[in-house]
Amino acid sequence: MRIGELTRSERLSTAMAASAAAARSLPGQLRRVSSSSCGQLVTPPDSKFATEVAERAADELAPEVLAHSLRCFQWAAAFAEVDGLVTDPEQLWAATMLHDLALGGPDVDGYGCFAAIGGSLAGELVARHRSAADADIVRSAIAVHFHPATPAEPVARCLHSAVNLDVVGRRSRELDAGLIAVTEAAHSRAGFTQTFCDAMKIEAQLRPYSSAAVLWRAGARLPILLNPLARA
C-alpha cells in the first residue's frame, strides 16, 4: 500500500461515515446563511515563517484554492474559540494555507493520497523555521484533514472543521454571521466549487484508494453543491 491509502474495510467505513454525516447535515445545508455587516477578520501571524508560508501558497495554489485556504484560516481560528481549543497561530496558519498543496496534483511515488503528499511538503517547510514537533503537528493535521472522523489534536481539529465548513457548509450555524460575511467578502468564493470538484475528479482517478476518492465516489458532489455558503 502507498502512504495515505485506505484498506478495503477502511474505504467501506469511510463511505458509510460520509453518507451518515451528509444525512445529518442536510437540513442545515438547505438553509441559507444569514447576512450581516459586522465582523472582524483575524490577522495572520507576522513573521518570516508566516511570510514564506503565504508566498508558497500564492506560488503553488490556483487563485480559487488560495482564497479557500485564506477562508479556512479564518474558520479555523473561529472554531478554536468555539470549541475552546488552544492553538499555535503559526501552526494554524501553516496548516490552513498549505493543506491543499497537492490537491489535483500529479502522482508522487509511494503516496496514495493528496493530503499525505501535502502534509509532507508542508512539514518540510515548517521544519526549516520551527521545531520538529511543530513540523509534525502541521504534517499530521494536513494528512488527516480529509478523513470523515474529527481528529483530537487541536490544530488538526480546527483545520478539519474549517475545511468541512468551507467545502460543504458543515457547522456554519455555529459561527458569527458577521465573521462569515466579512470573510466571504475578503476572499471571494467565485469559481471555487467548480475548481474543487474538478480536483476531486482527478483525485478519484489518480489516487483511487484515498479518502478523497472514496468520498467523491460516495456522492460528495451533492453536499458540495448544496453548501449554504456558496448559495449565500
C-alpha atoms as a PDB file:
ATOM      1  CA  MET A   1       0.000   0.000   0.000  1.00  0.00           C
ATOM      2  CA  ARG A   2       1.052   3.548  -0.684  1.00  0.00           C
ATOM      3  CA  ILE A   3       1.199   6.189   2.043  1.00  0.00           C
ATOM      4  CA  GLY A   4      -2.269   7.536   2.767  1.00  0.00           C
ATOM      5  CA  GLU A   5      -4.209   4.763   1.040  1.00  0.00           C
ATOM      6  CA  LEU A   6      -7.141   3.127   2.800  1.00  0.00           C
ATOM      7  CA  THR A   7      -7.650  -0.589   3.146  1.00  0.00           C
ATOM      8  CA  ARG A   8     -10.812  -2.134   1.727  1.00  0.00           C
ATOM      9  CA  SER A   9     -12.503  -2.124   5.135  1.00  0.00           C
ATOM     10  CA  GLU A  10     -11.402   1.481   5.747  1.00  0.00           C
ATOM     11  CA  ARG A  11     -12.826   2.532   2.383  1.00  0.00           C
ATOM     12  CA  LEU A  12     -16.150   0.939   3.274  1.00  0.00           C
ATOM     13  CA  SER A  13     -16.284   2.546   6.724  1.00  0.00           C
ATOM     14  CA  THR A  14     -15.264   5.913   5.250  1.00  0.00           C
ATOM     15  CA  ALA A  15     -18.055   5.779   2.674  1.00  0.00           C
ATOM     16  CA  MET A  16     -20.597   4.828   5.325  1.00  0.00           C
ATOM     17  CA  ALA A  17     -19.414   7.544   7.699  1.00  0.00           C
ATOM     18  CA  ALA A  18     -19.566  10.134   4.925  1.00  0.00           C
ATOM     19  CA  SER A  19     -23.100   9.133   3.982  1.00  0.00           C
ATOM     20  CA  ALA A  20     -24.243   9.329   7.600  1.00  0.00           C
ATOM     21  CA  ALA A  21     -22.596  12.736   8.092  1.00  0.00           C
ATOM     22  CA  ALA A  22     -24.183  14.047   4.897  1.00  0.00           C
ATOM     23  CA  ALA A  23     -27.628  12.919   6.042  1.00  0.00           C
ATOM     24  CA  ARG A  24     -27.190  14.591   9.430  1.00  0.00           C
ATOM     25  CA  SER A  25     -26.049  17.893   7.927  1.00  0.00           C
ATOM     26  CA  LEU A  26     -28.597  18.082   5.093  1.00  0.00           C
ATOM     27  CA  PRO A  27     -31.199  20.156   7.000  1.00  0.00           C
ATOM     28  CA  GLY A  28     -28.581  22.803   7.768  1.00  0.00           C
ATOM     29  CA  GLN A  29     -27.342  22.828   4.188  1.00  0.00           C
ATOM     30  CA  LEU A  30     -30.810  23.586   2.893  1.00  0.00           C
ATOM     31  CA  ARG A  31     -30.907  26.814   4.925  1.00  0.00           C
ATOM     32  CA  ARG A  32     -29.171  29.949   3.760  1.00  0.00           C
ATOM     33  CA  VAL A  33     -26.552  31.671   5.897  1.00  0.00           C
ATOM     34  CA  SER A  34     -27.851  34.953   7.302  1.00  0.00           C
ATOM     35  CA  SER A  35     -26.005  38.083   6.215  1.00  0.00           C
ATOM     36  CA  SER A  36     -24.503  40.724   8.475  1.00  0.00           C
ATOM     37  CA  SER A  37     -22.259  43.734   8.029  1.00  0.00           C
ATOM     38  CA  CYS A  38     -20.491  43.222  11.367  1.00  0.00           C
ATOM     39  CA  GLY A  39     -17.477  41.046  11.910  1.00  0.00           C
ATOM     40  CA  GLN A  40     -13.708  41.236  12.145  1.00  0.00           C
ATOM     41  CA  LEU A  41     -11.052  39.167  10.401  1.00  0.00           C
ATOM     42  CA  VAL A  42      -8.250  37.508  12.349  1.00  0.00           C
ATOM     43  CA  THR A  43      -4.869  38.945  11.395  1.00  0.00           C
ATOM     44  CA  PRO A  44      -2.387  36.289  10.180  1.00  0.00           C
ATOM     45  CA  PRO A  45       0.885  35.880  12.079  1.00  0.00           C
ATOM     46  CA  ASP A  46       3.607  38.396  11.231  1.00  0.00           C
ATOM     47  CA  SER A  47       6.923  36.572  10.938  1.00  0.00           C
ATOM     48  CA  LYS A  48       9.428  35.429   8.336  1.00  0.00           C
ATOM     49  CA  PHE A  49       7.988  31.940   8.624  1.00  0.00           C
ATOM     50  CA  ALA A  50       4.404  33.123   8.095  1.00  0.00           C
ATOM     51  CA  THR A  51       5.507  35.167   5.086  1.00  0.00           C
ATOM     52  CA  GLU A  52       7.202  32.155   3.498  1.00  0.00           C
ATOM     53  CA  VAL A  53       4.060  30.097   4.069  1.00  0.00           C
ATOM     54  CA  ALA A  54       1.961  32.781   2.352  1.00  0.00           C
ATOM     55  CA  GLU A  55       4.397  33.018  -0.551  1.00  0.00           C
ATOM     56  CA  ARG A  56       4.449  29.248  -1.032  1.00  0.00           C
ATOM     57  CA  ALA A  57       0.659  29.143  -1.092  1.00  0.00           C
ATOM     58  CA  ALA A  58       0.418  32.049  -3.517  1.00  0.00           C
ATOM     59  CA  ASP A  59       3.008  30.494  -5.826  1.00  0.00           C
ATOM     60  CA  GLU A  60       1.528  26.994  -5.971  1.00  0.00           C
ATOM     61  CA  LEU A  61      -2.232  27.243  -5.437  1.00  0.00           C
ATOM     62  CA  ALA A  62      -4.824  28.206  -8.013  1.00  0.00           C
ATOM     63  CA  PRO A  63      -6.475  31.550  -7.109  1.00  0.00           C
ATOM     64  CA  GLU A  64      -9.719  29.803  -6.127  1.00  0.00           C
ATOM     65  CA  VAL A  65      -7.875  27.375  -3.837  1.00  0.00           C
ATOM     66  CA  LEU A  66      -5.748  30.160  -2.359  1.00  0.00           C
ATOM     67  CA  ALA A  67      -8.925  32.038  -1.425  1.00  0.00           C
ATOM     68  CA  HIS A  68     -10.294  28.803   0.065  1.00  0.00           C
ATOM     69  CA  SER A  69      -7.148  28.468   2.194  1.00  0.00           C
ATOM     70  CA  LEU A  70      -7.428  32.052   3.417  1.00  0.00           C
ATOM     71  CA  ARG A  71     -11.058  31.477   4.359  1.00  0.00           C
ATOM     72  CA  CYS A  72     -10.068  28.282   6.148  1.00  0.00           C
ATOM     73  CA  PHE A  73      -7.630  30.215   8.337  1.00  0.00           C
ATOM     74  CA  GLN A  74     -10.476  32.455   9.478  1.00  0.00           C
ATOM     75  CA  TRP A  75     -12.804  29.494  10.052  1.00  0.00           C
ATOM     76  CA  ALA A  76     -10.116  27.525  11.912  1.00  0.00           C
ATOM     77  CA  ALA A  77      -9.362  30.428  14.236  1.00  0.00           C
ATOM     78  CA  ALA A  78     -13.089  30.845  14.906  1.00  0.00           C
ATOM     79  CA  PHE A  79     -13.601  27.152  15.625  1.00  0.00           C
ATOM     80  CA  ALA A  80     -10.681  27.207  18.047  1.00  0.00           C
ATOM     81  CA  GLU A  81     -12.644  29.764  20.066  1.00  0.00           C
ATOM     82  CA  VAL A  82     -15.988  27.972  19.677  1.00  0.00           C
ATOM     83  CA  ASP A  83     -14.534  24.626  20.735  1.00  0.00           C
ATOM     84  CA  GLY A  84     -12.320  26.051  23.484  1.00  0.00           C
ATOM     85  CA  LEU A  85      -9.073  24.889  21.862  1.00  0.00           C
ATOM     86  CA  VAL A  86      -5.640  26.448  22.306  1.00  0.00           C
ATOM     87  CA  THR A  87      -3.610  26.504  19.100  1.00  0.00           C
ATOM     88  CA  ASP A  88      -0.306  27.971  17.983  1.00  0.00           C
ATOM     89  CA  PRO A  89      -1.153  30.745  15.448  1.00  0.00           C
ATOM     90  CA  GLU A  90       1.768  29.880  13.169  1.00  0.00           C
ATOM     91  CA  GLN A  91       0.942  26.176  13.180  1.00  0.00           C
ATOM     92  CA  LEU A  92      -2.671  27.019  12.348  1.00  0.00           C
ATOM     93  CA  TRP A  93      -1.580  29.426   9.602  1.00  0.00           C
ATOM     94  CA  ALA A  94       0.711  26.846   8.005  1.00  0.00           C
ATOM     95  CA  ALA A  95      -1.842  24.036   8.218  1.00  0.00           C
ATOM     96  CA  THR A  96      -4.692  26.046   6.705  1.00  0.00           C
ATOM     97  CA  MET A  97      -2.654  27.758   3.996  1.00  0.00           C
ATOM     98  CA  LEU A  98      -0.784  24.652   2.827  1.00  0.00           C
ATOM     99  CA  HIS A  99      -3.342  21.867   3.259  1.00  0.00           C
ATOM    100  CA  ASP A 100      -4.188  21.720  -0.462  1.00  0.00           C
ATOM    101  CA  LEU A 101      -0.687  21.942  -1.912  1.00  0.00           C
ATOM    102  CA  ALA A 102      -1.113  18.587  -3.667  1.00  0.00           C
ATOM    103  CA  LEU A 103      -4.862  18.659  -4.407  1.00  0.00           C
ATOM    104  CA  GLY A 104      -5.380  17.620  -8.024  1.00  0.00           C
ATOM    105  CA  GLY A 105      -1.623  17.483  -8.500  1.00  0.00           C
ATOM    106  CA  PRO A 106       0.477  14.825 -10.215  1.00  0.00           C
ATOM    107  CA  ASP A 107       1.119  11.381  -8.802  1.00  0.00           C
ATOM    108  CA  VAL A 108       4.046  11.051  -6.407  1.00  0.00           C
ATOM    109  CA  ASP A 109       5.892   7.761  -5.960  1.00  0.00           C
ATOM    110  CA  GLY A 110       4.975   5.997  -2.736  1.00  0.00           C
ATOM    111  CA  TYR A 111       1.960   8.223  -1.973  1.00  0.00           C
ATOM    112  CA  GLY A 112      -1.689   7.367  -2.483  1.00  0.00           C
ATOM    113  CA  CYS A 113      -3.387  10.441  -1.006  1.00  0.00           C
ATOM    114  CA  PHE A 114      -3.054  14.129  -1.826  1.00  0.00           C
ATOM    115  CA  ALA A 115      -3.355  15.043   1.857  1.00  0.00           C
ATOM    116  CA  ALA A 116      -0.379  12.847   2.723  1.00  0.00           C
ATOM    117  CA  ILE A 117       1.664  14.448  -0.065  1.00  0.00           C
ATOM    118  CA  GLY A 118       0.656  17.951   1.032  1.00  0.00           C
ATOM    119  CA  GLY A 119       1.379  17.169   4.660  1.00  0.00           C
ATOM    120  CA  SER A 120       4.880  16.010   3.773  1.00  0.00           C
ATOM    121  CA  LEU A 121       5.583  19.121   1.691  1.00  0.00           C
ATOM    122  CA  ALA A 122       4.246  21.440   4.392  1.00  0.00           C
ATOM    123  CA  GLY A 123       6.195  19.620   7.095  1.00  0.00           C
ATOM    124  CA  GLU A 124       9.434  20.193   5.185  1.00  0.00           C
ATOM    125  CA  LEU A 125       8.749  23.928   5.020  1.00  0.00           C
ATOM    126  CA  VAL A 126       7.831  24.170   8.696  1.00  0.00           C
ATOM    127  CA  ALA A 127      10.943  22.244   9.724  1.00  0.00           C
ATOM    128  CA  ARG A 128      13.144  24.949   8.177  1.00  0.00           C
ATOM    129  CA  HIS A 129      11.776  27.517  10.638  1.00  0.00           C
ATOM    130  CA  ARG A 130      10.296  25.682  13.587  1.00  0.00           C
ATOM    131  CA  SER A 131      10.953  22.576  15.675  1.00  0.00           C
ATOM    132  CA  ALA A 132      10.477  19.004  14.513  1.00  0.00           C
ATOM    133  CA  ALA A 133       7.461  18.803  16.820  1.00  0.00           C
ATOM    134  CA  ASP A 134       5.877  21.830  15.112  1.00  0.00           C
ATOM    135  CA  ALA A 135       6.524  20.306  11.706  1.00  0.00           C
ATOM    136  CA  ASP A 136       4.938  17.032  12.774  1.00  0.00           C
ATOM    137  CA  ILE A 137       1.800  18.756  14.072  1.00  0.00           C
ATOM    138  CA  VAL A 138       1.291  20.563  10.753  1.00  0.00           C
ATOM    139  CA  ARG A 139       2.141  17.486   8.689  1.00  0.00           C
ATOM    140  CA  SER A 140      -0.265  15.295  10.656  1.00  0.00           C
ATOM    141  CA  ALA A 141      -3.064  17.871  10.627  1.00  0.00           C
ATOM    142  CA  ILE A 142      -2.926  18.129   6.842  1.00  0.00           C
ATOM    143  CA  ALA A 143      -2.623  14.370   6.373  1.00  0.00           C
ATOM    144  CA  VAL A 144      -5.932  13.704   8.155  1.00  0.00           C
ATOM    145  CA  HIS A 145      -7.912  16.791   7.177  1.00  0.00           C
ATOM    146  CA  PHE A 146      -9.997  14.874   4.636  1.00  0.00           C
ATOM    147  CA  HIS A 147     -10.912  11.936   6.885  1.00  0.00           C
ATOM    148  CA  PRO A 148     -14.567  11.774   7.992  1.00  0.00           C
ATOM    149  CA  ALA A 149     -13.613  11.336  11.658  1.00  0.00           C
ATOM    150  CA  THR A 150     -12.779  14.531  13.537  1.00  0.00           C
ATOM    151  CA  PRO A 151      -9.211  14.407  14.924  1.00  0.00           C
ATOM    152  CA  ALA A 152      -8.433  15.218  18.546  1.00  0.00           C
ATOM    153  CA  GLU A 153      -5.236  17.274  18.200  1.00  0.00           C
ATOM    154  CA  PRO A 154      -6.247  20.990  18.323  1.00  0.00           C
ATOM    155  CA  VAL A 155      -4.667  22.221  15.065  1.00  0.00           C
ATOM    156  CA  ALA A 156      -5.873  19.151  13.189  1.00  0.00           C
ATOM    157  CA  ARG A 157      -9.355  19.519  14.679  1.00  0.00           C
ATOM    158  CA  CYS A 158      -9.610  23.198  13.703  1.00  0.00           C
ATOM    159  CA  LEU A 159      -8.363  22.527  10.164  1.00  0.00           C
ATOM    160  CA  HIS A 160     -10.797  19.633   9.791  1.00  0.00           C
ATOM    161  CA  SER A 161     -13.732  21.780  10.928  1.00  0.00           C
ATOM    162  CA  ALA A 162     -12.634  24.682   8.721  1.00  0.00           C
ATOM    163  CA  VAL A 163     -12.374  22.555   5.574  1.00  0.00           C
ATOM    164  CA  ASN A 164     -15.742  20.924   6.219  1.00  0.00           C
ATOM    165  CA  LEU A 165     -17.315  24.332   6.657  1.00  0.00           C
ATOM    166  CA  ASP A 166     -15.792  25.845   3.538  1.00  0.00           C
ATOM    167  CA  VAL A 167     -16.425  22.861   1.281  1.00  0.00           C
ATOM    168  CA  VAL A 168     -19.882  21.679   2.408  1.00  0.00           C
ATOM    169  CA  GLY A 169     -21.054  24.280   4.945  1.00  0.00           C
ATOM    170  CA  ARG A 170     -20.921  21.990   7.978  1.00  0.00           C
ATOM    171  CA  ARG A 171     -21.263  23.816  11.345  1.00  0.00           C
ATOM    172  CA  SER A 172     -21.962  27.145   9.617  1.00  0.00           C
ATOM    173  CA  ARG A 173     -24.634  27.985  12.215  1.00  0.00           C
ATOM    174  CA  GLU A 174     -22.019  27.845  14.987  1.00  0.00           C
ATOM    175  CA  LEU A 175     -20.068  30.837  13.668  1.00  0.00           C
ATOM    176  CA  ASP A 176     -20.958  34.507  13.832  1.00  0.00           C
ATOM    177  CA  ALA A 177     -22.789  35.643  10.696  1.00  0.00           C
ATOM    178  CA  GLY A 178     -20.718  38.820  10.646  1.00  0.00           C
ATOM    179  CA  LEU A 179     -17.467  36.881  10.503  1.00  0.00           C
ATOM    180  CA  ILE A 180     -18.818  34.761   7.672  1.00  0.00           C
ATOM    181  CA  ALA A 181     -19.876  37.876   5.765  1.00  0.00           C
ATOM    182  CA  VAL A 182     -16.551  39.713   6.021  1.00  0.00           C
ATOM    183  CA  THR A 183     -14.553  36.563   5.285  1.00  0.00           C
ATOM    184  CA  GLU A 184     -16.564  35.797   2.170  1.00  0.00           C
ATOM    185  CA  ALA A 185     -16.232  39.417   1.049  1.00  0.00           C
ATOM    186  CA  ALA A 186     -12.469  39.487   1.606  1.00  0.00           C
ATOM    187  CA  HIS A 187     -11.731  36.141  -0.048  1.00  0.00           C
ATOM    188  CA  SER A 188     -14.068  35.564  -2.980  1.00  0.00           C
ATOM    189  CA  ARG A 189     -15.666  32.161  -3.412  1.00  0.00           C
ATOM    190  CA  ALA A 190     -16.094  32.714  -7.158  1.00  0.00           C
ATOM    191  CA  GLY A 191     -15.145  29.632  -9.129  1.00  0.00           C
ATOM    192  CA  PHE A 192     -14.227  27.550  -6.087  1.00  0.00           C
ATOM    193  CA  THR A 193     -16.973  24.931  -6.348  1.00  0.00           C
ATOM    194  CA  GLN A 194     -16.102  24.016  -9.932  1.00  0.00           C
ATOM    195  CA  THR A 195     -12.358  24.115  -9.285  1.00  0.00           C
ATOM    196  CA  PHE A 196     -12.722  21.865  -6.243  1.00  0.00           C
ATOM    197  CA  CYS A 197     -14.989  19.381  -7.999  1.00  0.00           C
ATOM    198  CA  ASP A 198     -12.558  19.173 -10.924  1.00  0.00           C
ATOM    199  CA  ALA A 199      -9.723  18.437  -8.493  1.00  0.00           C
ATOM    200  CA  MET A 200     -11.775  15.754  -6.761  1.00  0.00           C
ATOM    201  CA  LYS A 201     -12.347  14.005 -10.092  1.00  0.00           C
ATOM    202  CA  ILE A 202      -8.581  13.959 -10.599  1.00  0.00           C
ATOM    203  CA  GLU A 203      -8.072  12.530  -7.105  1.00  0.00           C
ATOM    204  CA  ALA A 204     -10.560   9.738  -7.810  1.00  0.00           C
ATOM    205  CA  GLN A 205      -8.646   8.815 -10.951  1.00  0.00           C
ATOM    206  CA  LEU A 206      -5.050   9.200  -9.744  1.00  0.00           C
ATOM    207  CA  ARG A 207      -5.397   8.049  -6.134  1.00  0.00           C
ATOM    208  CA  PRO A 208      -8.438   5.727  -6.109  1.00  0.00           C
ATOM    209  CA  TYR A 209      -7.846   4.344  -2.606  1.00  0.00           C
ATOM    210  CA  SER A 210      -7.574   7.736  -0.890  1.00  0.00           C
ATOM    211  CA  SER A 211     -10.180   9.323   1.361  1.00  0.00           C
ATOM    212  CA  ALA A 212     -10.855  11.968  -1.288  1.00  0.00           C
ATOM    213  CA  ALA A 213     -11.556   9.340  -3.941  1.00  0.00           C
ATOM    214  CA  VAL A 214     -13.829   7.344  -1.636  1.00  0.00           C
ATOM    215  CA  LEU A 215     -15.768  10.450  -0.625  1.00  0.00           C
ATOM    216  CA  TRP A 216     -16.165  11.542  -4.243  1.00  0.00           C
ATOM    217  CA  ARG A 217     -17.486   8.144  -5.293  1.00  0.00           C
ATOM    218  CA  ALA A 218     -19.793   8.157  -2.260  1.00  0.00           C
ATOM    219  CA  GLY A 219     -21.529  11.256  -3.596  1.00  0.00           C
ATOM    220  CA  ALA A 220     -19.558  14.216  -2.230  1.00  0.00           C
ATOM    221  CA  ARG A 221     -20.565  16.351  -5.203  1.00  0.00           C
ATOM    222  CA  LEU A 222     -24.102  16.861  -3.858  1.00  0.00           C
ATOM    223  CA  PRO A 223     -23.181  18.310  -0.428  1.00  0.00           C
ATOM    224  CA  ILE A 224     -20.549  20.468  -2.148  1.00  0.00           C
ATOM    225  CA  LEU A 225     -23.202  21.919  -4.454  1.00  0.00           C
ATOM    226  CA  LEU A 226     -25.608  22.378  -1.523  1.00  0.00           C
ATOM    227  CA  ASN A 227     -23.074  24.309   0.560  1.00  0.00           C
ATOM    228  CA  PRO A 228     -25.078  27.194   2.079  1.00  0.00           C
ATOM    229  CA  LEU A 229     -22.010  29.452   1.910  1.00  0.00           C
ATOM    230  CA  ALA A 230     -21.905  29.012  -1.860  1.00  0.00           C
ATOM    231  CA  ARG A 231     -25.612  29.898  -2.059  1.00  0.00           C
ATOM    232  CA  ALA A 232     -25.496  32.877   0.328  1.00  0.00           C
END
